[in-house]
Amino acid sequence: MRRPRGHAGAGRWANIARTLLLGLALALLFGHPMMAQEEAQFDESPAGGEADASDEAATTDFEQIDDILAEDEEVLAGFQTYAYDPGTRRDPFRSLLLQSGPNELPEGERPDGVAGLLIDEILIEGVYVTGEGPVAQVQTASDETSYLLRPGDQLWDGDVVSISLQEVIFKQSINDPTALKPFRDVVKRLSP
C-alpha cells in the first residue's frame, strides 16, 4: 500500500518544534546551575542547605523536560502516520455542481482497433526500436489482442505523445470545466 505524503510543511514544523524544545531543555539544564552559582557568590549565608535544594530542583527539571519531550514526540508522531482513505465516498474537493466526471468519454460507440482504446485500460507489453522510430506493443485487460502504437496515434480518449525504451507518454483529454488544461499527461511504464 502506498503511503500518502502528509502536509508538505509538517516535517519542517516538526523539526522546528524539536529544535525549540531542545534549546529550552539546554537552557534549563545549563542555565539553572549557573544561576544557582551566581546567587551563591552574592549570598552571605552558608551554601550547604541551598546546594541540596538546587540539586533537587535540577533533578525535577530534568524529569519535567523528559516528560515534555515524550509528549511532543507522541504529538509529532501523528504527522508521520496520518493516512486518508476515501473508500467509496466522493472526493470532497470535487464540485457538487458538476454533473459529469472529469474523464467523461466521447459519446458514441467505440470503434475497433487502436482508435477504440482507452488510455486507462492499456498495459505496455513491450517497446521496439525500428527504422521508422520506436513502437510500443500494448494490450488491454479485457482483450487478448495486442496493438502497436506509434507517436501521434489517436486513441478514443487521447493520443500518444512519445515513446521511450521504458515508458509511453499519452495526452488524455478530460472534460472538466474546473481544470486549467483540457488534457493531462499520463505516463505508462513497461510492465515487468
N, C-alpha and C. Protein backbone atom coordinates (compact mmCIF):
# COMPACT_ATOMS: atom_id res chain seq x y z
N MET A 1 0.84 -1.18 0.00
CA MET A 1 0.00 0.00 0.00
C MET A 1 0.88 1.24 0.00
N ARG A 2 0.55 2.18 -0.82
CA ARG A 2 1.35 3.40 -0.93
C ARG A 2 1.05 4.31 0.24
N ARG A 3 2.08 4.79 0.87
CA ARG A 3 1.90 5.69 2.00
C ARG A 3 1.80 7.12 1.49
N PRO A 4 0.65 7.78 1.72
CA PRO A 4 0.49 9.14 1.20
C PRO A 4 1.37 10.12 1.94
N ARG A 5 1.76 11.11 1.22
CA ARG A 5 2.56 12.14 1.85
C ARG A 5 1.67 13.02 2.72
N GLY A 6 2.22 13.45 3.81
CA GLY A 6 1.48 14.36 4.67
C GLY A 6 1.59 15.77 4.14
N HIS A 7 1.22 16.72 4.95
CA HIS A 7 1.31 18.12 4.57
C HIS A 7 2.76 18.47 4.35
N ALA A 8 3.07 19.20 3.28
CA ALA A 8 4.46 19.47 2.90
C ALA A 8 5.21 20.19 4.02
N GLY A 9 4.56 21.06 4.79
CA GLY A 9 5.23 21.81 5.84
C GLY A 9 5.27 21.09 7.17
N ALA A 10 4.59 19.96 7.31
CA ALA A 10 4.52 19.28 8.60
C ALA A 10 5.90 18.84 9.06
N GLY A 11 6.72 18.29 8.17
CA GLY A 11 8.06 17.85 8.55
C GLY A 11 8.94 19.00 8.98
N ARG A 12 8.81 20.13 8.27
CA ARG A 12 9.59 21.31 8.60
C ARG A 12 9.20 21.83 9.98
N TRP A 13 7.89 21.89 10.25
CA TRP A 13 7.42 22.39 11.55
C TRP A 13 7.81 21.43 12.67
N ALA A 14 7.83 20.15 12.38
CA ALA A 14 8.24 19.18 13.39
C ALA A 14 9.70 19.39 13.75
N ASN A 15 10.55 19.66 12.76
CA ASN A 15 11.97 19.92 13.03
C ASN A 15 12.16 21.21 13.82
N ILE A 16 11.39 22.23 13.48
CA ILE A 16 11.49 23.50 14.22
C ILE A 16 11.07 23.29 15.66
N ALA A 17 9.98 22.53 15.88
CA ALA A 17 9.49 22.29 17.24
C ALA A 17 10.54 21.52 18.04
N ARG A 18 11.16 20.52 17.42
CA ARG A 18 12.19 19.75 18.13
C ARG A 18 13.38 20.65 18.49
N THR A 19 13.78 21.51 17.58
CA THR A 19 14.90 22.41 17.83
C THR A 19 14.59 23.35 18.99
N LEU A 20 13.39 23.91 18.99
CA LEU A 20 13.00 24.82 20.08
C LEU A 20 12.96 24.09 21.42
N LEU A 21 12.40 22.88 21.43
CA LEU A 21 12.35 22.12 22.68
C LEU A 21 13.74 21.74 23.17
N LEU A 22 14.62 21.40 22.25
CA LEU A 22 15.99 21.08 22.63
C LEU A 22 16.68 22.32 23.21
N GLY A 23 16.46 23.47 22.59
CA GLY A 23 17.03 24.71 23.11
C GLY A 23 16.50 25.04 24.49
N LEU A 24 15.21 24.84 24.70
CA LEU A 24 14.62 25.09 26.02
C LEU A 24 15.20 24.13 27.05
N ALA A 25 15.35 22.88 26.65
CA ALA A 25 15.91 21.89 27.56
C ALA A 25 17.35 22.24 27.94
N LEU A 26 18.13 22.67 26.96
CA LEU A 26 19.52 23.05 27.24
C LEU A 26 19.59 24.30 28.12
N ALA A 27 18.69 25.24 27.88
CA ALA A 27 18.66 26.45 28.70
C ALA A 27 18.32 26.11 30.15
N LEU A 28 17.38 25.22 30.33
CA LEU A 28 17.03 24.82 31.69
C LEU A 28 18.15 24.01 32.33
N LEU A 29 18.79 23.15 31.52
CA LEU A 29 19.86 22.32 32.04
C LEU A 29 21.07 23.14 32.49
N PHE A 30 21.54 23.96 31.56
CA PHE A 30 22.78 24.68 31.83
C PHE A 30 22.53 26.04 32.47
N GLY A 31 21.40 26.59 32.29
CA GLY A 31 21.10 27.90 32.86
C GLY A 31 20.83 27.84 34.34
N HIS A 32 20.15 26.81 34.81
CA HIS A 32 19.76 26.72 36.22
C HIS A 32 20.95 26.58 37.15
N PRO A 33 21.92 25.69 36.93
CA PRO A 33 23.08 25.60 37.83
C PRO A 33 23.93 26.88 37.82
N MET A 34 24.02 27.55 36.69
CA MET A 34 24.80 28.79 36.63
C MET A 34 24.14 29.86 37.49
N MET A 35 22.84 29.92 37.42
CA MET A 35 22.13 30.92 38.22
C MET A 35 22.31 30.61 39.70
N ALA A 36 22.30 29.33 40.04
CA ALA A 36 22.49 28.96 41.44
C ALA A 36 23.89 29.34 41.91
N GLN A 37 24.93 29.20 41.07
CA GLN A 37 26.29 29.57 41.44
C GLN A 37 26.40 31.07 41.60
N GLU A 38 25.78 31.84 40.70
CA GLU A 38 25.83 33.29 40.81
C GLU A 38 25.14 33.76 42.08
N GLU A 39 24.02 33.15 42.45
CA GLU A 39 23.32 33.51 43.67
C GLU A 39 24.17 33.16 44.89
N ALA A 40 24.90 32.04 44.81
CA ALA A 40 25.74 31.61 45.94
C ALA A 40 26.89 32.59 46.14
N GLN A 41 27.42 33.21 45.08
CA GLN A 41 28.52 34.15 45.22
C GLN A 41 28.05 35.42 45.92
N PHE A 42 26.83 35.86 45.66
CA PHE A 42 26.34 37.10 46.25
C PHE A 42 25.66 36.87 47.58
N ASP A 43 25.36 35.63 47.91
CA ASP A 43 24.67 35.33 49.17
C ASP A 43 25.72 35.17 50.26
N GLU A 44 25.47 35.78 51.41
CA GLU A 44 26.44 35.73 52.51
C GLU A 44 26.16 34.59 53.47
N SER A 45 25.02 33.91 53.31
CA SER A 45 24.68 32.81 54.22
C SER A 45 25.41 31.54 53.76
N PRO A 46 25.56 30.52 54.66
CA PRO A 46 26.22 29.28 54.27
C PRO A 46 25.46 28.60 53.13
N ALA A 47 26.22 28.02 52.18
CA ALA A 47 25.64 27.46 50.96
C ALA A 47 25.29 25.99 51.10
N GLY A 48 25.53 25.34 52.18
CA GLY A 48 25.30 23.90 52.32
C GLY A 48 23.85 23.52 52.10
N GLY A 49 22.89 24.18 52.71
CA GLY A 49 21.47 23.84 52.58
C GLY A 49 20.93 24.22 51.21
N GLU A 50 21.44 25.33 50.64
CA GLU A 50 20.94 25.77 49.35
C GLU A 50 21.43 24.88 48.22
N ALA A 51 22.62 24.30 48.32
CA ALA A 51 23.15 23.43 47.28
C ALA A 51 22.29 22.17 47.16
N ASP A 52 21.85 21.63 48.29
CA ASP A 52 20.98 20.45 48.25
C ASP A 52 19.66 20.79 47.57
N ALA A 53 19.11 21.95 47.84
CA ALA A 53 17.84 22.35 47.24
C ALA A 53 17.99 22.55 45.73
N SER A 54 19.13 23.14 45.31
CA SER A 54 19.32 23.36 43.87
C SER A 54 19.52 22.03 43.14
N ASP A 55 20.17 21.03 43.75
CA ASP A 55 20.33 19.72 43.12
C ASP A 55 18.98 19.03 42.94
N GLU A 56 18.12 19.15 43.98
CA GLU A 56 16.79 18.55 43.87
C GLU A 56 15.98 19.26 42.78
N ALA A 57 16.09 20.57 42.69
CA ALA A 57 15.37 21.33 41.66
C ALA A 57 15.86 20.95 40.27
N ALA A 58 17.19 20.75 40.12
CA ALA A 58 17.74 20.36 38.82
C ALA A 58 17.24 18.98 38.42
N THR A 59 17.15 18.05 39.37
CA THR A 59 16.63 16.71 39.08
C THR A 59 15.17 16.79 38.67
N THR A 60 14.39 17.62 39.35
CA THR A 60 12.98 17.80 39.00
C THR A 60 12.86 18.40 37.60
N ASP A 61 13.74 19.37 37.26
CA ASP A 61 13.71 19.98 35.93
C ASP A 61 14.00 18.95 34.85
N PHE A 62 14.97 18.05 35.10
CA PHE A 62 15.28 17.01 34.12
C PHE A 62 14.06 16.11 33.87
N GLU A 63 13.37 15.75 34.93
CA GLU A 63 12.19 14.89 34.78
C GLU A 63 11.09 15.62 34.00
N GLN A 64 10.89 16.90 34.29
CA GLN A 64 9.88 17.67 33.57
C GLN A 64 10.23 17.79 32.09
N ILE A 65 11.50 18.01 31.80
CA ILE A 65 11.93 18.12 30.40
C ILE A 65 11.70 16.80 29.67
N ASP A 66 12.04 15.68 30.33
CA ASP A 66 11.81 14.37 29.71
C ASP A 66 10.33 14.14 29.45
N ASP A 67 9.49 14.53 30.39
CA ASP A 67 8.04 14.38 30.20
C ASP A 67 7.54 15.23 29.03
N ILE A 68 8.00 16.47 28.93
CA ILE A 68 7.58 17.36 27.85
C ILE A 68 8.03 16.82 26.50
N LEU A 69 9.28 16.36 26.42
CA LEU A 69 9.79 15.81 25.16
C LEU A 69 9.04 14.54 24.76
N ALA A 70 8.70 13.70 25.72
CA ALA A 70 7.96 12.47 25.42
C ALA A 70 6.57 12.81 24.87
N GLU A 71 5.89 13.79 25.47
CA GLU A 71 4.56 14.20 24.98
C GLU A 71 4.66 14.78 23.57
N ASP A 72 5.68 15.59 23.31
CA ASP A 72 5.83 16.19 21.99
C ASP A 72 6.15 15.15 20.93
N GLU A 73 6.92 14.14 21.28
CA GLU A 73 7.21 13.06 20.33
C GLU A 73 5.94 12.32 19.95
N GLU A 74 5.03 12.12 20.92
CA GLU A 74 3.76 11.45 20.62
C GLU A 74 2.93 12.30 19.66
N VAL A 75 2.91 13.61 19.89
CA VAL A 75 2.14 14.50 19.02
C VAL A 75 2.75 14.53 17.63
N LEU A 76 4.07 14.66 17.53
CA LEU A 76 4.74 14.73 16.23
C LEU A 76 4.65 13.41 15.49
N ALA A 77 4.56 12.31 16.17
CA ALA A 77 4.44 11.01 15.51
C ALA A 77 3.14 10.92 14.74
N GLY A 78 2.11 11.65 15.15
CA GLY A 78 0.83 11.65 14.45
C GLY A 78 0.94 12.22 13.05
N PHE A 79 1.86 13.16 12.80
CA PHE A 79 2.02 13.74 11.48
C PHE A 79 2.57 12.72 10.49
N GLN A 80 3.37 11.79 10.94
CA GLN A 80 4.04 10.86 10.06
C GLN A 80 3.16 9.66 9.71
N THR A 81 2.18 9.33 10.53
CA THR A 81 1.39 8.14 10.30
C THR A 81 -0.01 8.43 9.79
N TYR A 82 -0.34 9.66 9.50
CA TYR A 82 -1.67 10.01 9.06
C TYR A 82 -1.91 9.52 7.64
N ALA A 83 -3.04 8.90 7.41
CA ALA A 83 -3.41 8.45 6.07
C ALA A 83 -4.90 8.69 5.88
N TYR A 84 -5.29 9.07 4.67
CA TYR A 84 -6.69 9.30 4.35
C TYR A 84 -7.12 8.29 3.31
N ASP A 85 -8.15 7.52 3.61
CA ASP A 85 -8.69 6.54 2.68
C ASP A 85 -10.14 6.92 2.39
N PRO A 86 -10.43 7.42 1.17
CA PRO A 86 -11.79 7.86 0.89
C PRO A 86 -12.78 6.70 0.74
N GLY A 87 -12.28 5.49 0.47
CA GLY A 87 -13.17 4.34 0.30
C GLY A 87 -14.13 4.58 -0.85
N THR A 88 -15.41 4.40 -0.60
CA THR A 88 -16.42 4.58 -1.65
C THR A 88 -17.04 5.97 -1.61
N ARG A 89 -16.56 6.83 -0.73
CA ARG A 89 -17.12 8.18 -0.63
C ARG A 89 -16.65 9.05 -1.77
N ARG A 90 -17.37 10.13 -2.02
CA ARG A 90 -17.00 11.05 -3.09
C ARG A 90 -15.79 11.88 -2.67
N ASP A 91 -15.11 12.42 -3.64
CA ASP A 91 -13.96 13.29 -3.40
C ASP A 91 -14.48 14.61 -2.85
N PRO A 92 -14.07 15.03 -1.65
CA PRO A 92 -14.60 16.26 -1.07
C PRO A 92 -14.15 17.53 -1.80
N PHE A 93 -13.16 17.42 -2.69
CA PHE A 93 -12.68 18.58 -3.41
C PHE A 93 -13.33 18.74 -4.78
N ARG A 94 -14.17 17.82 -5.19
CA ARG A 94 -14.91 17.92 -6.45
C ARG A 94 -16.17 18.73 -6.21
N SER A 95 -16.48 19.58 -7.15
CA SER A 95 -17.67 20.41 -7.05
C SER A 95 -18.92 19.55 -7.16
N LEU A 96 -19.92 19.85 -6.34
CA LEU A 96 -21.19 19.15 -6.41
C LEU A 96 -22.01 19.60 -7.61
N LEU A 97 -21.65 20.74 -8.19
CA LEU A 97 -22.40 21.28 -9.31
C LEU A 97 -22.07 20.57 -10.62
N LEU A 98 -20.93 19.91 -10.70
CA LEU A 98 -20.56 19.21 -11.93
C LEU A 98 -21.36 17.92 -12.03
N GLN A 99 -22.05 17.74 -13.11
CA GLN A 99 -22.86 16.55 -13.31
C GLN A 99 -22.04 15.36 -13.79
N SER A 100 -21.03 15.61 -14.60
CA SER A 100 -20.25 14.51 -15.16
C SER A 100 -18.91 14.43 -14.46
N GLY A 101 -18.27 13.26 -14.60
CA GLY A 101 -16.95 13.06 -14.01
C GLY A 101 -15.89 13.77 -14.83
N PRO A 102 -14.67 13.86 -14.30
CA PRO A 102 -13.62 14.58 -15.01
C PRO A 102 -13.17 13.87 -16.28
N ASN A 103 -13.37 12.57 -16.38
CA ASN A 103 -12.93 11.83 -17.56
C ASN A 103 -14.12 11.33 -18.37
N GLU A 104 -15.05 12.21 -18.65
CA GLU A 104 -16.21 11.81 -19.44
C GLU A 104 -15.76 11.43 -20.83
N LEU A 105 -16.16 10.27 -21.27
CA LEU A 105 -15.73 9.76 -22.56
C LEU A 105 -16.56 10.36 -23.68
N PRO A 106 -16.01 10.40 -24.89
CA PRO A 106 -16.78 10.88 -26.03
C PRO A 106 -18.01 9.99 -26.24
N GLU A 107 -19.07 10.60 -26.70
CA GLU A 107 -20.30 9.84 -26.92
C GLU A 107 -20.19 9.01 -28.19
N GLY A 108 -20.98 7.95 -28.24
CA GLY A 108 -20.98 7.09 -29.41
C GLY A 108 -20.34 5.75 -29.10
N GLU A 109 -20.40 4.88 -30.09
CA GLU A 109 -19.83 3.55 -29.93
C GLU A 109 -18.34 3.58 -30.26
N ARG A 110 -17.55 2.89 -29.45
CA ARG A 110 -16.11 2.85 -29.66
C ARG A 110 -15.77 2.02 -30.89
N PRO A 111 -14.92 2.53 -31.74
CA PRO A 111 -14.52 1.75 -32.92
C PRO A 111 -13.54 0.64 -32.53
N ASP A 112 -13.34 -0.29 -33.42
CA ASP A 112 -12.38 -1.37 -33.21
C ASP A 112 -10.96 -0.85 -33.46
N GLY A 113 -9.99 -1.56 -32.91
CA GLY A 113 -8.59 -1.23 -33.16
C GLY A 113 -8.05 -0.16 -32.22
N VAL A 114 -6.97 0.46 -32.66
CA VAL A 114 -6.27 1.46 -31.86
C VAL A 114 -7.18 2.65 -31.54
N ALA A 115 -8.02 3.05 -32.48
CA ALA A 115 -8.89 4.22 -32.28
C ALA A 115 -9.91 4.00 -31.17
N GLY A 116 -10.18 2.77 -30.77
CA GLY A 116 -11.14 2.49 -29.71
C GLY A 116 -10.52 2.20 -28.36
N LEU A 117 -9.21 2.31 -28.22
CA LEU A 117 -8.54 2.03 -26.95
C LEU A 117 -8.68 3.19 -25.98
N LEU A 118 -8.85 2.85 -24.70
CA LEU A 118 -8.84 3.85 -23.62
C LEU A 118 -7.47 3.83 -22.96
N ILE A 119 -6.96 4.99 -22.64
CA ILE A 119 -5.62 5.10 -22.05
C ILE A 119 -5.54 4.37 -20.72
N ASP A 120 -6.60 4.47 -19.90
CA ASP A 120 -6.58 3.83 -18.58
C ASP A 120 -6.59 2.31 -18.66
N GLU A 121 -7.04 1.73 -19.76
CA GLU A 121 -7.11 0.29 -19.90
C GLU A 121 -5.84 -0.33 -20.49
N ILE A 122 -4.93 0.48 -20.96
CA ILE A 122 -3.77 -0.02 -21.70
C ILE A 122 -2.67 -0.52 -20.76
N LEU A 123 -2.08 -1.66 -21.11
CA LEU A 123 -0.88 -2.18 -20.46
C LEU A 123 0.23 -2.21 -21.50
N ILE A 124 1.39 -1.68 -21.17
CA ILE A 124 2.52 -1.66 -22.10
C ILE A 124 3.24 -3.00 -21.98
N GLU A 125 3.27 -3.77 -23.05
CA GLU A 125 3.88 -5.10 -23.05
C GLU A 125 5.31 -5.07 -23.57
N GLY A 126 5.63 -4.14 -24.45
CA GLY A 126 6.99 -4.10 -24.99
C GLY A 126 7.20 -2.83 -25.80
N VAL A 127 8.46 -2.45 -25.96
CA VAL A 127 8.84 -1.29 -26.78
C VAL A 127 9.94 -1.76 -27.73
N TYR A 128 9.75 -1.46 -29.02
CA TYR A 128 10.69 -1.87 -30.05
C TYR A 128 11.18 -0.64 -30.80
N VAL A 129 12.45 -0.66 -31.16
CA VAL A 129 13.02 0.44 -31.95
C VAL A 129 13.15 -0.08 -33.38
N THR A 130 12.48 0.61 -34.29
CA THR A 130 12.53 0.24 -35.70
C THR A 130 13.21 1.35 -36.48
N GLY A 131 13.38 1.16 -37.76
CA GLY A 131 13.97 2.19 -38.61
C GLY A 131 13.09 3.42 -38.71
N GLU A 132 11.80 3.28 -38.46
CA GLU A 132 10.85 4.40 -38.52
C GLU A 132 10.63 5.04 -37.16
N GLY A 133 11.29 4.56 -36.12
CA GLY A 133 11.15 5.12 -34.78
C GLY A 133 10.64 4.07 -33.80
N PRO A 134 10.44 4.46 -32.54
CA PRO A 134 10.00 3.49 -31.54
C PRO A 134 8.53 3.11 -31.72
N VAL A 135 8.23 1.87 -31.37
CA VAL A 135 6.88 1.33 -31.45
C VAL A 135 6.59 0.63 -30.12
N ALA A 136 5.41 0.88 -29.55
CA ALA A 136 5.02 0.25 -28.29
C ALA A 136 3.97 -0.82 -28.57
N GLN A 137 4.17 -2.00 -27.99
CA GLN A 137 3.18 -3.06 -28.07
C GLN A 137 2.32 -2.97 -26.83
N VAL A 138 1.00 -2.81 -27.00
CA VAL A 138 0.09 -2.64 -25.87
C VAL A 138 -1.01 -3.69 -25.94
N GLN A 139 -1.62 -3.90 -24.79
CA GLN A 139 -2.74 -4.83 -24.68
C GLN A 139 -3.68 -4.29 -23.62
N THR A 140 -4.98 -4.53 -23.78
CA THR A 140 -5.95 -4.13 -22.77
C THR A 140 -6.26 -5.32 -21.88
N ALA A 141 -6.74 -5.04 -20.70
CA ALA A 141 -7.05 -6.11 -19.75
C ALA A 141 -8.24 -6.94 -20.23
N SER A 142 -9.16 -6.34 -20.95
CA SER A 142 -10.36 -7.05 -21.38
C SER A 142 -10.20 -7.77 -22.72
N ASP A 143 -9.14 -7.48 -23.45
CA ASP A 143 -8.97 -8.04 -24.79
C ASP A 143 -7.59 -8.71 -24.86
N GLU A 144 -7.52 -9.85 -25.51
CA GLU A 144 -6.24 -10.55 -25.64
C GLU A 144 -5.47 -10.12 -26.88
N THR A 145 -6.02 -9.20 -27.64
CA THR A 145 -5.37 -8.74 -28.86
C THR A 145 -4.31 -7.69 -28.52
N SER A 146 -3.15 -7.78 -29.14
CA SER A 146 -2.10 -6.78 -28.96
C SER A 146 -2.19 -5.75 -30.09
N TYR A 147 -1.81 -4.52 -29.76
CA TYR A 147 -1.82 -3.44 -30.73
C TYR A 147 -0.45 -2.77 -30.72
N LEU A 148 -0.06 -2.18 -31.83
CA LEU A 148 1.19 -1.43 -31.93
C LEU A 148 0.86 0.06 -32.00
N LEU A 149 1.53 0.84 -31.16
CA LEU A 149 1.31 2.29 -31.11
C LEU A 149 2.58 3.01 -31.52
N ARG A 150 2.39 4.10 -32.24
CA ARG A 150 3.49 4.98 -32.63
C ARG A 150 3.18 6.39 -32.14
N PRO A 151 4.19 7.23 -31.96
CA PRO A 151 3.91 8.61 -31.55
C PRO A 151 2.96 9.29 -32.55
N GLY A 152 1.94 9.95 -32.03
CA GLY A 152 0.96 10.64 -32.86
C GLY A 152 -0.31 9.84 -33.09
N ASP A 153 -0.34 8.55 -32.72
CA ASP A 153 -1.56 7.74 -32.91
C ASP A 153 -2.69 8.29 -32.03
N GLN A 154 -3.90 8.32 -32.59
CA GLN A 154 -5.08 8.78 -31.88
C GLN A 154 -5.78 7.60 -31.22
N LEU A 155 -6.12 7.75 -29.94
CA LEU A 155 -6.88 6.75 -29.21
C LEU A 155 -8.26 7.33 -28.93
N TRP A 156 -9.13 6.57 -28.27
CA TRP A 156 -10.50 7.02 -28.02
C TRP A 156 -10.53 8.26 -27.12
N ASP A 157 -9.66 8.32 -26.11
CA ASP A 157 -9.69 9.45 -25.17
C ASP A 157 -8.37 10.21 -25.12
N GLY A 158 -7.59 10.17 -26.19
CA GLY A 158 -6.34 10.94 -26.22
C GLY A 158 -5.45 10.49 -27.35
N ASP A 159 -4.16 10.80 -27.22
CA ASP A 159 -3.22 10.41 -28.25
C ASP A 159 -1.86 10.10 -27.64
N VAL A 160 -0.99 9.46 -28.42
CA VAL A 160 0.35 9.08 -27.98
C VAL A 160 1.29 10.27 -28.24
N VAL A 161 1.96 10.74 -27.19
CA VAL A 161 2.87 11.87 -27.32
C VAL A 161 4.27 11.39 -27.68
N SER A 162 4.81 10.47 -26.86
CA SER A 162 6.16 9.98 -27.13
C SER A 162 6.33 8.58 -26.58
N ILE A 163 7.33 7.89 -27.12
CA ILE A 163 7.64 6.52 -26.69
C ILE A 163 9.14 6.45 -26.44
N SER A 164 9.51 5.99 -25.24
CA SER A 164 10.92 5.74 -24.94
C SER A 164 11.07 4.25 -24.63
N LEU A 165 12.27 3.82 -24.30
CA LEU A 165 12.51 2.39 -24.06
C LEU A 165 11.80 1.88 -22.81
N GLN A 166 11.48 2.74 -21.85
CA GLN A 166 10.87 2.31 -20.60
C GLN A 166 9.44 2.77 -20.39
N GLU A 167 8.98 3.76 -21.18
CA GLU A 167 7.65 4.32 -20.92
C GLU A 167 7.03 4.92 -22.16
N VAL A 168 5.70 5.08 -22.09
CA VAL A 168 4.95 5.72 -23.15
C VAL A 168 4.18 6.87 -22.50
N ILE A 169 4.24 8.05 -23.12
CA ILE A 169 3.55 9.22 -22.58
C ILE A 169 2.34 9.52 -23.47
N PHE A 170 1.18 9.62 -22.82
CA PHE A 170 -0.08 9.90 -23.51
C PHE A 170 -0.57 11.28 -23.10
N LYS A 171 -1.36 11.91 -23.95
CA LYS A 171 -2.07 13.15 -23.63
C LYS A 171 -3.55 12.76 -23.60
N GLN A 172 -4.13 12.68 -22.40
CA GLN A 172 -5.51 12.25 -22.22
C GLN A 172 -6.43 13.46 -22.15
N SER A 173 -7.46 13.48 -22.99
CA SER A 173 -8.44 14.57 -22.99
C SER A 173 -9.35 14.40 -21.79
N ILE A 174 -9.61 15.51 -21.09
CA ILE A 174 -10.53 15.49 -19.97
C ILE A 174 -11.59 16.55 -20.18
N ASN A 175 -12.77 16.25 -19.72
CA ASN A 175 -13.89 17.18 -19.85
C ASN A 175 -14.23 17.69 -18.46
N ASP A 176 -13.41 18.61 -17.96
CA ASP A 176 -13.59 19.15 -16.62
C ASP A 176 -13.47 20.65 -16.69
N PRO A 177 -14.57 21.39 -16.49
CA PRO A 177 -14.51 22.84 -16.61
C PRO A 177 -13.65 23.51 -15.54
N THR A 178 -13.36 22.81 -14.44
CA THR A 178 -12.54 23.40 -13.38
C THR A 178 -11.05 23.20 -13.61
N ALA A 179 -10.69 22.35 -14.56
CA ALA A 179 -9.28 22.07 -14.83
C ALA A 179 -8.65 23.23 -15.61
N LEU A 180 -7.38 23.50 -15.36
CA LEU A 180 -6.68 24.57 -16.06
C LEU A 180 -6.41 24.20 -17.50
N LYS A 181 -6.15 22.92 -17.76
CA LYS A 181 -5.88 22.44 -19.12
C LYS A 181 -6.94 21.41 -19.49
N PRO A 182 -7.32 21.33 -20.75
CA PRO A 182 -8.32 20.34 -21.15
C PRO A 182 -7.73 18.94 -21.35
N PHE A 183 -6.52 18.73 -20.91
CA PHE A 183 -5.87 17.43 -21.04
C PHE A 183 -4.94 17.21 -19.85
N ARG A 184 -4.49 15.97 -19.72
CA ARG A 184 -3.48 15.65 -18.70
C ARG A 184 -2.51 14.65 -19.30
N ASP A 185 -1.28 14.71 -18.87
CA ASP A 185 -0.26 13.77 -19.33
C ASP A 185 -0.32 12.52 -18.49
N VAL A 186 -0.35 11.37 -19.15
CA VAL A 186 -0.38 10.07 -18.47
C VAL A 186 0.87 9.30 -18.90
N VAL A 187 1.64 8.82 -17.93
CA VAL A 187 2.85 8.06 -18.21
C VAL A 187 2.59 6.61 -17.85
N LYS A 188 2.73 5.73 -18.81
CA LYS A 188 2.59 4.30 -18.60
C LYS A 188 3.96 3.66 -18.78
N ARG A 189 4.38 2.91 -17.77
CA ARG A 189 5.68 2.26 -17.81
C ARG A 189 5.57 0.84 -18.34
N LEU A 190 6.67 0.34 -18.83
CA LEU A 190 6.74 -1.00 -19.37
C LEU A 190 6.43 -2.00 -18.27
N SER A 191 5.49 -2.90 -18.51
CA SER A 191 5.11 -3.90 -17.50
C SER A 191 6.25 -4.90 -17.31
N PRO A 192 6.57 -5.23 -16.04
CA PRO A 192 7.67 -6.17 -15.80
C PRO A 192 7.33 -7.57 -16.22
